[in-house]
C-alpha cells in the first residue's frame, strides 16, 4: 500500500517524466513480484504558495494511471475521484474530516479485498 499526500507533489510530480520516474523509484523499493495498491493524490490549494497543486495532481495521477495500465501488479485506488465527488469530506481542501477518513478507509478495504 502506497499513499503519498499532496504535499509530496512539490517534490517534482508536476512534470510527467519526473512523475513517472518517481513512481518507478517507489515501486522499485517494493519487494519484487509484490502486488501494490497506490492511493492517488487529491488537489489542495495553499494560499501564498505559487506551486500549482491542481496541475501537479493531474500530472501525477495520469502518470500513476499509465503505470497501472501497463503493470498488472499495480492498482490505483481513486481517492482523488472520491474527493472531487465529496468535497465536504475535507476541512480545507486537503485535510480529511472524520467522514472522509471513514470513506477513504472503506475505499481502501474494498480495493484490498477485491
PDB file of N, CA and C in Angstrom:
ATOM      1  N   UNK A   1       0.856  -1.157   0.000  1.00  0.00           N
ATOM      2  CA  UNK A   1       0.000   0.000   0.000  1.00  0.00           C
ATOM      3  C   UNK A   1       0.903   1.220   0.000  1.00  0.00           C
ATOM      4  N   UNK A   2       0.672   2.098  -0.960  1.00  0.00           N
ATOM      5  CA  UNK A   2       1.390   3.366  -1.019  1.00  0.00           C
ATOM      6  C   UNK A   2       0.350   4.478  -1.030  1.00  0.00           C
ATOM      7  N   UNK A   3       0.555   5.461  -0.200  1.00  0.00           N
ATOM      8  CA  UNK A   3      -0.338   6.614  -0.157  1.00  0.00           C
ATOM      9  C   UNK A   3       0.442   7.858   0.192  1.00  0.00           C
ATOM     10  N   UNK A   4       0.793   8.626  -0.806  1.00  0.00           N
ATOM     11  CA  UNK A   4       1.509   9.874  -0.580  1.00  0.00           C
ATOM     12  C   UNK A   4       0.502  11.001  -0.463  1.00  0.00           C
ATOM     13  N   UNK A   5       0.864  12.040   0.234  1.00  0.00           N
ATOM     14  CA  UNK A   5      -0.013  13.185   0.352  1.00  0.00           C
ATOM     15  C   UNK A   5       0.248  14.202  -0.735  1.00  0.00           C
ATOM     16  N   UNK A   6      -0.646  15.152  -0.858  1.00  0.00           N
ATOM     17  CA  UNK A   6      -0.463  16.178  -1.892  1.00  0.00           C
ATOM     18  C   UNK A   6       0.756  17.044  -1.619  1.00  0.00           C
ATOM     19  N   UNK A   7       1.229  17.107  -0.360  1.00  0.00           N
ATOM     20  CA  UNK A   7       2.460  17.842  -0.083  1.00  0.00           C
ATOM     21  C   UNK A   7       3.625  17.281  -0.889  1.00  0.00           C
ATOM     22  N   UNK A   8       3.614  15.989  -1.125  1.00  0.00           N
ATOM     23  CA  UNK A   8       4.690  15.333  -1.858  1.00  0.00           C
ATOM     24  C   UNK A   8       4.755  15.756  -3.321  1.00  0.00           C
ATOM     25  N   UNK A   9       3.699  16.335  -3.826  1.00  0.00           N
ATOM     26  CA  UNK A   9       3.675  16.756  -5.227  1.00  0.00           C
ATOM     27  C   UNK A   9       4.759  17.779  -5.540  1.00  0.00           C
ATOM     28  N   UNK A  10       5.110  18.590  -4.568  1.00  0.00           N
ATOM     29  CA  UNK A  10       6.116  19.620  -4.793  1.00  0.00           C
ATOM     30  C   UNK A  10       7.509  19.043  -5.024  1.00  0.00           C
ATOM     31  N   UNK A  11       7.684  17.761  -4.792  1.00  0.00           N
ATOM     32  CA  UNK A  11       8.992  17.123  -4.966  1.00  0.00           C
ATOM     33  C   UNK A  11       9.278  16.745  -6.417  1.00  0.00           C
ATOM     34  N   UNK A  12       8.479  17.243  -7.355  1.00  0.00           N
ATOM     35  CA  UNK A  12       8.755  17.001  -8.759  1.00  0.00           C
ATOM     36  C   UNK A  12       7.666  16.299  -9.525  1.00  0.00           C
ATOM     37  N   UNK A  13       6.492  16.179  -8.939  1.00  0.00           N
ATOM     38  CA  UNK A  13       5.414  15.446  -9.593  1.00  0.00           C
ATOM     39  C   UNK A  13       4.655  16.280 -10.613  1.00  0.00           C
ATOM     40  N   UNK A  14       5.084  17.503 -10.843  1.00  0.00           N
ATOM     41  CA  UNK A  14       4.369  18.364 -11.789  1.00  0.00           C
ATOM     42  C   UNK A  14       4.874  18.221 -13.217  1.00  0.00           C
ATOM     43  N   UNK A  15       5.797  17.324 -13.433  1.00  0.00           N
ATOM     44  CA  UNK A  15       6.347  17.048 -14.759  1.00  0.00           C
ATOM     45  C   UNK A  15       6.120  15.570 -15.059  1.00  0.00           C
ATOM     46  N   UNK A  16       5.536  15.225 -16.222  1.00  0.00           N
ATOM     47  CA  UNK A  16       5.208  13.812 -16.496  1.00  0.00           C
ATOM     48  C   UNK A  16       6.406  12.867 -16.424  1.00  0.00           C
ATOM     49  N   UNK A  17       7.537  13.291 -16.919  1.00  0.00           N
ATOM     50  CA  UNK A  17       8.721  12.422 -16.896  1.00  0.00           C
ATOM     51  C   UNK A  17       9.203  12.218 -15.465  1.00  0.00           C
ATOM     52  N   UNK A  18       9.251  13.304 -14.713  1.00  0.00           N
ATOM     53  CA  UNK A  18       9.674  13.195 -13.314  1.00  0.00           C
ATOM     54  C   UNK A  18       8.688  12.364 -12.502  1.00  0.00           C
ATOM     55  N   UNK A  19       7.398  12.573 -12.744  1.00  0.00           N
ATOM     56  CA  UNK A  19       6.385  11.807 -12.017  1.00  0.00           C
ATOM     57  C   UNK A  19       6.519  10.318 -12.315  1.00  0.00           C
ATOM     58  N   UNK A  20       6.696   9.968 -13.573  1.00  0.00           N
ATOM     59  CA  UNK A  20       6.850   8.555 -13.943  1.00  0.00           C
ATOM     60  C   UNK A  20       8.120   7.967 -13.321  1.00  0.00           C
ATOM     61  N   UNK A  21       9.191   8.738 -13.313  1.00  0.00           N
ATOM     62  CA  UNK A  21      10.444   8.265 -12.715  1.00  0.00           C
ATOM     63  C   UNK A  21      10.264   8.058 -11.208  1.00  0.00           C
ATOM     64  N   UNK A  22       9.619   9.019 -10.571  1.00  0.00           N
ATOM     65  CA  UNK A  22       9.370   8.940  -9.132  1.00  0.00           C
ATOM     66  C   UNK A  22       8.539   7.707  -8.790  1.00  0.00           C
ATOM     67  N   UNK A  23       7.492   7.474  -9.557  1.00  0.00           N
ATOM     68  CA  UNK A  23       6.646   6.295  -9.344  1.00  0.00           C
ATOM     69  C   UNK A  23       7.476   5.024  -9.515  1.00  0.00           C
ATOM     70  N   UNK A  24       8.296   4.998 -10.558  1.00  0.00           N
ATOM     71  CA  UNK A  24       9.159   3.844 -10.787  1.00  0.00           C
ATOM     72  C   UNK A  24      10.123   3.597  -9.639  1.00  0.00           C
ATOM     73  N   UNK A  25      10.686   4.660  -9.103  1.00  0.00           N
ATOM     74  CA  UNK A  25      11.611   4.529  -7.974  1.00  0.00           C
ATOM     75  C   UNK A  25      10.903   3.984  -6.738  1.00  0.00           C
ATOM     76  N   UNK A  26       9.702   4.480  -6.487  1.00  0.00           N
ATOM     77  CA  UNK A  26       8.944   3.990  -5.336  1.00  0.00           C
ATOM     78  C   UNK A  26       8.612   2.506  -5.505  1.00  0.00           C
ATOM     79  N   UNK A  27       8.186   2.138  -6.708  1.00  0.00           N
ATOM     80  CA  UNK A  27       7.833   0.737  -6.951  1.00  0.00           C
ATOM     81  C   UNK A  27       9.053  -0.172  -6.923  1.00  0.00           C
ATOM     82  N   UNK A  28      10.207   0.339  -7.305  1.00  0.00           N
ATOM     83  CA  UNK A  28      11.440  -0.453  -7.267  1.00  0.00           C
ATOM     84  C   UNK A  28      11.835  -0.789  -5.828  1.00  0.00           C
ATOM     85  N   UNK A  29      11.369   0.005  -4.875  1.00  0.00           N
ATOM     86  CA  UNK A  29      11.683  -0.239  -3.467  1.00  0.00           C
ATOM     87  C   UNK A  29      10.794  -1.320  -2.855  1.00  0.00           C
ATOM     88  N   UNK A  30       9.775  -1.729  -3.597  1.00  0.00           N
ATOM     89  CA  UNK A  30       8.841  -2.751  -3.127  1.00  0.00           C
ATOM     90  C   UNK A  30       9.418  -4.130  -3.455  1.00  0.00           C
ATOM     91  N   UNK A  31       9.110  -5.103  -2.632  1.00  0.00           N
ATOM     92  CA  UNK A  31       9.552  -6.468  -2.882  1.00  0.00           C
ATOM     93  C   UNK A  31       9.173  -6.899  -4.294  1.00  0.00           C
ATOM     94  N   UNK A  32      10.131  -7.400  -5.073  1.00  0.00           N
ATOM     95  CA  UNK A  32       9.819  -7.829  -6.451  1.00  0.00           C
ATOM     96  C   UNK A  32       8.669  -8.840  -6.480  1.00  0.00           C
ATOM     97  N   UNK A  33       7.738  -8.612  -7.384  1.00  0.00           N
ATOM     98  CA  UNK A  33       6.607  -9.506  -7.554  1.00  0.00           C
ATOM     99  C   UNK A  33       5.443  -9.243  -6.615  1.00  0.00           C
ATOM    100  N   UNK A  34       5.591  -8.253  -5.729  1.00  0.00           N
ATOM    101  CA  UNK A  34       4.508  -7.943  -4.785  1.00  0.00           C
ATOM    102  C   UNK A  34       3.429  -7.109  -5.470  1.00  0.00           C
ATOM    103  N   UNK A  35       2.210  -7.347  -5.083  1.00  0.00           N
ATOM    104  CA  UNK A  35       1.105  -6.538  -5.579  1.00  0.00           C
ATOM    105  C   UNK A  35       1.086  -5.217  -4.817  1.00  0.00           C
ATOM    106  N   UNK A  36       0.787  -4.132  -5.521  1.00  0.00           N
ATOM    107  CA  UNK A  36       0.807  -2.797  -4.915  1.00  0.00           C
ATOM    108  C   UNK A  36      -0.517  -2.096  -5.162  1.00  0.00           C
ATOM    109  N   UNK A  37      -1.069  -1.541  -4.103  1.00  0.00           N
ATOM    110  CA  UNK A  37      -2.228  -0.664  -4.197  1.00  0.00           C
ATOM    111  C   UNK A  37      -1.711   0.733  -3.881  1.00  0.00           C
ATOM    112  N   UNK A  38      -1.995   1.685  -4.769  1.00  0.00           N
ATOM    113  CA  UNK A  38      -1.494   3.048  -4.596  1.00  0.00           C
ATOM    114  C   UNK A  38      -2.679   3.998  -4.577  1.00  0.00           C
ATOM    115  N   UNK A  39      -2.825   4.713  -3.482  1.00  0.00           N
ATOM    116  CA  UNK A  39      -3.895   5.704  -3.363  1.00  0.00           C
ATOM    117  C   UNK A  39      -3.434   6.962  -4.085  1.00  0.00           C
ATOM    118  N   UNK A  40      -4.195   7.386  -5.097  1.00  0.00           N
ATOM    119  CA  UNK A  40      -3.772   8.581  -5.824  1.00  0.00           C
ATOM    120  C   UNK A  40      -3.952   9.824  -4.960  1.00  0.00           C
ATOM    121  N   UNK A  41      -3.433  10.934  -5.432  1.00  0.00           N
ATOM    122  CA  UNK A  41      -3.437  12.160  -4.626  1.00  0.00           C
ATOM    123  C   UNK A  41      -4.612  13.049  -4.995  1.00  0.00           C
ATOM    124  N   UNK A  42      -4.967  13.882  -4.047  1.00  0.00           N
ATOM    125  CA  UNK A  42      -6.035  14.840  -4.289  1.00  0.00           C
ATOM    126  C   UNK A  42      -5.460  16.249  -4.265  1.00  0.00           C
ATOM    127  N   UNK A  43      -6.084  17.109  -4.995  1.00  0.00           N
ATOM    128  CA  UNK A  43      -5.668  18.504  -5.107  1.00  0.00           C
ATOM    129  C   UNK A  43      -5.838  19.221  -3.771  1.00  0.00           C
ATOM    130  N   UNK A  44      -4.985  20.152  -3.545  1.00  0.00           N
ATOM    131  CA  UNK A  44      -5.172  21.059  -2.422  1.00  0.00           C
ATOM    132  C   UNK A  44      -4.725  22.440  -2.859  1.00  0.00           C
ATOM    133  N   UNK A  45      -5.255  23.430  -2.234  1.00  0.00           N
ATOM    134  CA  UNK A  45      -4.870  24.807  -2.521  1.00  0.00           C
ATOM    135  C   UNK A  45      -4.194  25.366  -1.280  1.00  0.00           C
ATOM    136  N   UNK A  46      -3.065  25.965  -1.476  1.00  0.00           N
ATOM    137  CA  UNK A  46      -2.346  26.570  -0.362  1.00  0.00           C
ATOM    138  C   UNK A  46      -2.134  28.045  -0.677  1.00  0.00           C
ATOM    139  N   UNK A  47      -2.923  28.905  -0.078  1.00  0.00           N
ATOM    140  CA  UNK A  47      -2.783  30.344  -0.349  1.00  0.00           C
ATOM    141  C   UNK A  47      -1.343  30.808  -0.116  1.00  0.00           C
ATOM    142  N   UNK A  48      -0.851  31.603  -1.051  1.00  0.00           N
ATOM    143  CA  UNK A  48       0.501  32.140  -0.934  1.00  0.00           C
ATOM    144  C   UNK A  48       1.581  31.238  -1.499  1.00  0.00           C
ATOM    145  N   UNK A  49       1.248  29.993  -1.810  1.00  0.00           N
ATOM    146  CA  UNK A  49       2.229  29.078  -2.391  1.00  0.00           C
ATOM    147  C   UNK A  49       2.049  29.097  -3.900  1.00  0.00           C
ATOM    148  N   UNK A  50       3.087  29.458  -4.660  1.00  0.00           N
ATOM    149  CA  UNK A  50       2.947  29.548  -6.113  1.00  0.00           C
ATOM    150  C   UNK A  50       2.879  28.194  -6.820  1.00  0.00           C
ATOM    151  N   UNK A  51       3.149  27.106  -6.104  1.00  0.00           N
ATOM    152  CA  UNK A  51       3.119  25.786  -6.736  1.00  0.00           C
ATOM    153  C   UNK A  51       1.702  25.460  -7.188  1.00  0.00           C
ATOM    154  N   UNK A  52       1.563  24.944  -8.397  1.00  0.00           N
ATOM    155  CA  UNK A  52       0.254  24.624  -8.978  1.00  0.00           C
ATOM    156  C   UNK A  52      -0.143  23.192  -8.616  1.00  0.00           C
ATOM    157  N   UNK A  53      -0.758  23.043  -7.455  1.00  0.00           N
ATOM    158  CA  UNK A  53      -1.150  21.711  -6.986  1.00  0.00           C
ATOM    159  C   UNK A  53      -2.188  21.053  -7.883  1.00  0.00           C
ATOM    160  N   UNK A  54      -3.109  21.834  -8.425  1.00  0.00           N
ATOM    161  CA  UNK A  54      -4.140  21.258  -9.293  1.00  0.00           C
ATOM    162  C   UNK A  54      -3.506  20.605 -10.516  1.00  0.00           C
ATOM    163  N   UNK A  55      -2.585  21.299 -11.153  1.00  0.00           N
ATOM    164  CA  UNK A  55      -1.904  20.749 -12.323  1.00  0.00           C
ATOM    165  C   UNK A  55      -1.047  19.539 -11.946  1.00  0.00           C
ATOM    166  N   UNK A  56      -0.314  19.657 -10.855  1.00  0.00           N
ATOM    167  CA  UNK A  56       0.550  18.553 -10.425  1.00  0.00           C
ATOM    168  C   UNK A  56      -0.265  17.312 -10.084  1.00  0.00           C
ATOM    169  N   UNK A  57      -1.445  17.511  -9.487  1.00  0.00           N
ATOM    170  CA  UNK A  57      -2.330  16.387  -9.191  1.00  0.00           C
ATOM    171  C   UNK A  57      -2.710  15.663 -10.474  1.00  0.00           C
ATOM    172  N   UNK A  58      -3.086  16.428 -11.478  1.00  0.00           N
ATOM    173  CA  UNK A  58      -3.468  15.847 -12.775  1.00  0.00           C
ATOM    174  C   UNK A  58      -2.304  15.093 -13.398  1.00  0.00           C
ATOM    175  N   UNK A  59      -1.130  15.708 -13.395  1.00  0.00           N
ATOM    176  CA  UNK A  59       0.065  15.095 -13.998  1.00  0.00           C
ATOM    177  C   UNK A  59       0.426  13.816 -13.254  1.00  0.00           C
ATOM    178  N   UNK A  60       0.507  13.891 -11.929  1.00  0.00           N
ATOM    179  CA  UNK A  60       0.921  12.728 -11.151  1.00  0.00           C
ATOM    180  C   UNK A  60      -0.076  11.587 -11.274  1.00  0.00           C
ATOM    181  N   UNK A  61      -1.361  11.893 -11.128  1.00  0.00           N
ATOM    182  CA  UNK A  61      -2.360  10.828 -11.211  1.00  0.00           C
ATOM    183  C   UNK A  61      -2.405  10.198 -12.600  1.00  0.00           C
ATOM    184  N   UNK A  62      -2.168  10.985 -13.640  1.00  0.00           N
ATOM    185  CA  UNK A  62      -2.108  10.426 -15.001  1.00  0.00           C
ATOM    186  C   UNK A  62      -0.910   9.492 -15.145  1.00  0.00           C
ATOM    187  N   UNK A  63       0.229   9.885 -14.600  1.00  0.00           N
ATOM    188  CA  UNK A  63       1.417   9.018 -14.655  1.00  0.00           C
ATOM    189  C   UNK A  63       1.175   7.733 -13.877  1.00  0.00           C
ATOM    190  N   UNK A  64       0.496   7.844 -12.751  1.00  0.00           N
ATOM    191  CA  UNK A  64       0.174   6.662 -11.952  1.00  0.00           C
ATOM    192  C   UNK A  64      -0.790   5.740 -12.699  1.00  0.00           C
ATOM    193  N   UNK A  65      -1.800   6.326 -13.331  1.00  0.00           N
ATOM    194  CA  UNK A  65      -2.744   5.529 -14.124  1.00  0.00           C
ATOM    195  C   UNK A  65      -2.044   4.827 -15.285  1.00  0.00           C
ATOM    196  N   UNK A  66      -1.120   5.532 -15.924  1.00  0.00           N
ATOM    197  CA  UNK A  66      -0.363   4.932 -17.030  1.00  0.00           C
ATOM    198  C   UNK A  66       0.444   3.741 -16.539  1.00  0.00           C
ATOM    199  N   UNK A  67       1.120   3.911 -15.410  1.00  0.00           N
ATOM    200  CA  UNK A  67       1.905   2.810 -14.862  1.00  0.00           C
ATOM    201  C   UNK A  67       1.016   1.623 -14.528  1.00  0.00           C
ATOM    202  N   UNK A  68      -0.121   1.886 -13.906  1.00  0.00           N
ATOM    203  CA  UNK A  68      -1.028   0.798 -13.535  1.00  0.00           C
ATOM    204  C   UNK A  68      -1.587   0.083 -14.762  1.00  0.00           C
ATOM    205  N   UNK A  69      -1.773   0.832 -15.855  1.00  0.00           N
ATOM    206  CA  UNK A  69      -2.318   0.208 -17.068  1.00  0.00           C
ATOM    207  C   UNK A  69      -1.322  -0.727 -17.745  1.00  0.00           C
ATOM    208  N   UNK A  70      -0.051  -0.593 -17.390  1.00  0.00           N
ATOM    209  CA  UNK A  70       0.982  -1.434 -18.005  1.00  0.00           C
ATOM    210  C   UNK A  70       1.627  -2.389 -17.010  1.00  0.00           C
ATOM    211  N   UNK A  71       1.173  -2.372 -15.777  1.00  0.00           N
ATOM    212  CA  UNK A  71       1.769  -3.211 -14.729  1.00  0.00           C
ATOM    213  C   UNK A  71       0.633  -3.887 -13.965  1.00  0.00           C
ATOM    214  N   UNK A  72       0.466  -5.166 -14.203  1.00  0.00           N
ATOM    215  CA  UNK A  72      -0.642  -5.910 -13.594  1.00  0.00           C
ATOM    216  C   UNK A  72      -0.562  -5.973 -12.077  1.00  0.00           C
ATOM    217  N   UNK A  73       0.605  -5.677 -11.504  1.00  0.00           N
ATOM    218  CA  UNK A  73       0.760  -5.733 -10.060  1.00  0.00           C
ATOM    219  C   UNK A  73       0.389  -4.419  -9.365  1.00  0.00           C
ATOM    220  N   UNK A  74       0.101  -3.384 -10.149  1.00  0.00           N
ATOM    221  CA  UNK A  74      -0.207  -2.071  -9.578  1.00  0.00           C
ATOM    222  C   UNK A  74      -1.679  -1.730  -9.803  1.00  0.00           C
ATOM    223  N   UNK A  75      -2.347  -1.381  -8.716  1.00  0.00           N
ATOM    224  CA  UNK A  75      -3.745  -0.951  -8.794  1.00  0.00           C
ATOM    225  C   UNK A  75      -3.869   0.416  -8.133  1.00  0.00           C
ATOM    226  N   UNK A  76      -4.560   1.321  -8.807  1.00  0.00           N
ATOM    227  CA  UNK A  76      -4.775   2.663  -8.274  1.00  0.00           C
ATOM    228  C   UNK A  76      -6.097   2.698  -7.526  1.00  0.00           C
ATOM    229  N   UNK A  77      -6.055   3.229  -6.317  1.00  0.00           N
ATOM    230  CA  UNK A  77      -7.260   3.490  -5.537  1.00  0.00           C
ATOM    231  C   UNK A  77      -7.582   4.957  -5.774  1.00  0.00           C
ATOM    232  N   UNK A  78      -8.743   5.236  -6.330  1.00  0.00           N
ATOM    233  CA  UNK A  78      -9.070   6.584  -6.797  1.00  0.00           C
ATOM    234  C   UNK A  78      -9.627   7.483  -5.693  1.00  0.00           C
ATOM    235  N   UNK A  79      -8.762   7.912  -4.806  1.00  0.00           N
ATOM    236  CA  UNK A  79      -9.144   8.841  -3.762  1.00  0.00           C
ATOM    237  C   UNK A  79      -9.497  10.201  -4.360  1.00  0.00           C
ATOM    238  N   UNK A  80      -8.736  10.626  -5.358  1.00  0.00           N
ATOM    239  CA  UNK A  80      -8.995  11.928  -5.986  1.00  0.00           C
ATOM    240  C   UNK A  80     -10.429  12.003  -6.523  1.00  0.00           C
ATOM    241  N   UNK A  81     -10.860  10.978  -7.211  1.00  0.00           N
ATOM    242  CA  UNK A  81     -12.218  10.957  -7.743  1.00  0.00           C
ATOM    243  C   UNK A  81     -13.266  11.054  -6.650  1.00  0.00           C
ATOM    244  N   UNK A  82     -13.007  10.386  -5.531  1.00  0.00           N
ATOM    245  CA  UNK A  82     -13.942  10.431  -4.409  1.00  0.00           C
ATOM    246  C   UNK A  82     -13.990  11.829  -3.788  1.00  0.00           C
ATOM    247  N   UNK A  83     -12.830  12.460  -3.662  1.00  0.00           N
ATOM    248  CA  UNK A  83     -12.779  13.807  -3.076  1.00  0.00           C
ATOM    249  C   UNK A  83     -13.482  14.811  -3.981  1.00  0.00           C
ATOM    250  N   UNK A  84     -13.305  14.676  -5.281  1.00  0.00           N
ATOM    251  CA  UNK A  84     -13.997  15.571  -6.218  1.00  0.00           C
ATOM    252  C   UNK A  84     -15.514  15.415  -6.060  1.00  0.00           C
ATOM    253  N   UNK A  85     -15.955  14.176  -5.889  1.00  0.00           N
ATOM    254  CA  UNK A  85     -17.396  13.915  -5.736  1.00  0.00           C
ATOM    255  C   UNK A  85     -17.932  14.314  -4.355  1.00  0.00           C
ATOM    256  N   UNK A  86     -17.041  14.390  -3.360  1.00  0.00           N
ATOM    257  CA  UNK A  86     -17.456  14.668  -1.981  1.00  0.00           C
ATOM    258  C   UNK A  86     -16.525  15.693  -1.332  1.00  0.00           C
ATOM    259  N   UNK A  87     -16.521  16.924  -1.810  1.00  0.00           N
ATOM    260  CA  UNK A  87     -15.584  17.923  -1.270  1.00  0.00           C
ATOM    261  C   UNK A  87     -15.803  18.236   0.207  1.00  0.00           C
ATOM    262  N   UNK A  88     -16.970  17.952   0.743  1.00  0.00           N
ATOM    263  CA  UNK A  88     -17.214  18.240   2.158  1.00  0.00           C
ATOM    264  C   UNK A  88     -16.460  17.278   3.077  1.00  0.00           C
ATOM    265  N   UNK A  89     -15.855  16.232   2.524  1.00  0.00           N
ATOM    266  CA  UNK A  89     -15.048  15.318   3.327  1.00  0.00           C
ATOM    267  C   UNK A  89     -13.753  15.980   3.788  1.00  0.00           C
ATOM    268  N   UNK A  90     -13.421  17.125   3.186  1.00  0.00           N
ATOM    269  CA  UNK A  90     -12.172  17.797   3.520  1.00  0.00           C
ATOM    270  C   UNK A  90     -12.424  19.051   4.338  1.00  0.00           C
ATOM    271  N   UNK A  91     -11.542  19.317   5.259  1.00  0.00           N
ATOM    272  CA  UNK A  91     -11.625  20.504   6.100  1.00  0.00           C
ATOM    273  C   UNK A  91     -11.226  21.743   5.303  1.00  0.00           C
ATOM    274  N   UNK A  92     -10.143  21.622   4.548  1.00  0.00           N
ATOM    275  CA  UNK A  92      -9.529  22.790   3.919  1.00  0.00           C
ATOM    276  C   UNK A  92      -8.994  22.514   2.517  1.00  0.00           C
ATOM    277  N   UNK A  93      -9.515  21.517   1.851  1.00  0.00           N
ATOM    278  CA  UNK A  93      -9.029  21.184   0.515  1.00  0.00           C
ATOM    279  C   UNK A  93      -8.008  20.072   0.503  1.00  0.00           C
ATOM    280  N   UNK A  94      -7.515  19.660   1.671  1.00  0.00           N
ATOM    281  CA  UNK A  94      -6.577  18.535   1.723  1.00  0.00           C
ATOM    282  C   UNK A  94      -6.756  17.682   2.982  1.00  0.00           C
ATOM    283  N   UNK A  95      -6.971  18.291   4.116  1.00  0.00           N
ATOM    284  CA  UNK A  95      -7.078  17.541   5.360  1.00  0.00           C
ATOM    285  C   UNK A  95      -8.491  16.978   5.511  1.00  0.00           C
ATOM    286  N   UNK A  96      -8.538  15.720   5.904  1.00  0.00           N
ATOM    287  CA  UNK A  96      -9.773  14.952   5.870  1.00  0.00           C
ATOM    288  C   UNK A  96     -10.553  15.075   7.184  1.00  0.00           C
ATOM    289  N   UNK A  97     -11.867  15.211   7.036  1.00  0.00           N
ATOM    290  CA  UNK A  97     -12.777  15.181   8.189  1.00  0.00           C
ATOM    291  C   UNK A  97     -13.011  13.708   8.576  1.00  0.00           C
ATOM    292  N   UNK A  98     -13.680  13.485   9.663  1.00  0.00           N
ATOM    293  CA  UNK A  98     -13.912  12.111  10.122  1.00  0.00           C
ATOM    294  C   UNK A  98     -14.701  11.291   9.101  1.00  0.00           C
ATOM    295  N   UNK A  99     -15.708  11.896   8.441  1.00  0.00           N
ATOM    296  CA  UNK A  99     -16.455  11.133   7.437  1.00  0.00           C
ATOM    297  C   UNK A  99     -15.581  10.820   6.225  1.00  0.00           C
ATOM    298  N   UNK A 100     -14.631  11.675   5.934  1.00  0.00           N
ATOM    299  CA  UNK A 100     -13.677  11.411   4.854  1.00  0.00           C
ATOM    300  C   UNK A 100     -12.730  10.284   5.202  1.00  0.00           C
ATOM    301  N   UNK A 101     -12.275  10.242   6.451  1.00  0.00           N
ATOM    302  CA  UNK A 101     -11.424   9.131   6.893  1.00  0.00           C
ATOM    303  C   UNK A 101     -12.160   7.810   6.766  1.00  0.00           C
ATOM    304  N   UNK A 102     -13.419   7.810   7.193  1.00  0.00           N
ATOM    305  CA  UNK A 102     -14.211   6.575   7.072  1.00  0.00           C
ATOM    306  C   UNK A 102     -14.354   6.164   5.616  1.00  0.00           C
ATOM    307  N   UNK A 103     -14.637   7.131   4.752  1.00  0.00           N
ATOM    308  CA  UNK A 103     -14.816   6.825   3.328  1.00  0.00           C
ATOM    309  C   UNK A 103     -13.517   6.311   2.705  1.00  0.00           C
ATOM    310  N   UNK A 104     -12.392   6.953   3.041  1.00  0.00           N
ATOM    311  CA  UNK A 104     -11.108   6.503   2.480  1.00  0.00           C
ATOM    312  C   UNK A 104     -10.766   5.107   2.979  1.00  0.00           C
ATOM    313  N   UNK A 105     -11.066   4.835   4.239  1.00  0.00           N
ATOM    314  CA  UNK A 105     -10.832   3.504   4.780  1.00  0.00           C
ATOM    315  C   UNK A 105     -11.690   2.470   4.056  1.00  0.00           C
ATOM    316  N   UNK A 106     -12.962   2.772   3.859  1.00  0.00           N
ATOM    317  CA  UNK A 106     -13.855   1.848   3.150  1.00  0.00           C
ATOM    318  C   UNK A 106     -13.384   1.621   1.715  1.00  0.00           C
ATOM    319  N   UNK A 107     -12.952   2.681   1.051  1.00  0.00           N
ATOM    320  CA  UNK A 107     -12.440   2.581  -0.314  1.00  0.00           C
ATOM    321  C   UNK A 107     -11.213   1.690  -0.367  1.00  0.00           C
ATOM    322  N   UNK A 108     -10.328   1.871   0.589  1.00  0.00           N
ATOM    323  CA  UNK A 108      -9.099   1.078   0.639  1.00  0.00           C
ATOM    324  C   UNK A 108      -9.386  -0.380   0.950  1.00  0.00           C
ATOM    325  N   UNK A 109     -10.217  -0.632   1.931  1.00  0.00           N
ATOM    326  CA  UNK A 109     -10.564  -2.016   2.282  1.00  0.00           C
ATOM    327  C   UNK A 109     -11.234  -2.716   1.107  1.00  0.00           C
ATOM    328  N   UNK A 110     -12.118  -2.017   0.421  1.00  0.00           N
ATOM    329  CA  UNK A 110     -12.797  -2.607  -0.751  1.00  0.00           C
ATOM    330  C   UNK A 110     -11.771  -3.001  -1.815  1.00  0.00           C
ATOM    331  N   UNK A 111     -10.774  -2.152  -2.042  1.00  0.00           N
ATOM    332  CA  UNK A 111      -9.751  -2.466  -3.047  1.00  0.00           C
ATOM    333  C   UNK A 111      -8.903  -3.656  -2.612  1.00  0.00           C
ATOM    334  N   UNK A 112      -8.551  -3.687  -1.356  1.00  0.00           N
ATOM    335  CA  UNK A 112      -7.688  -4.767  -0.851  1.00  0.00           C
ATOM    336  C   UNK A 112      -8.386  -6.115  -0.808  1.00  0.00           C
ATOM    337  N   UNK A 113      -9.695  -6.112  -0.679  1.00  0.00           N
ATOM    338  CA  UNK A 113     -10.423  -7.377  -0.571  1.00  0.00           C
ATOM    339  C   UNK A 113     -11.072  -7.786  -1.895  1.00  0.00           C
ATOM    340  N   UNK A 114     -10.856  -6.990  -2.926  1.00  0.00           N
ATOM    341  CA  UNK A 114     -11.439  -7.283  -4.235  1.00  0.00           C
ATOM    342  C   UNK A 114     -10.724  -8.437  -4.896  1.00  0.00           C
TER     343      UNK A 114
END
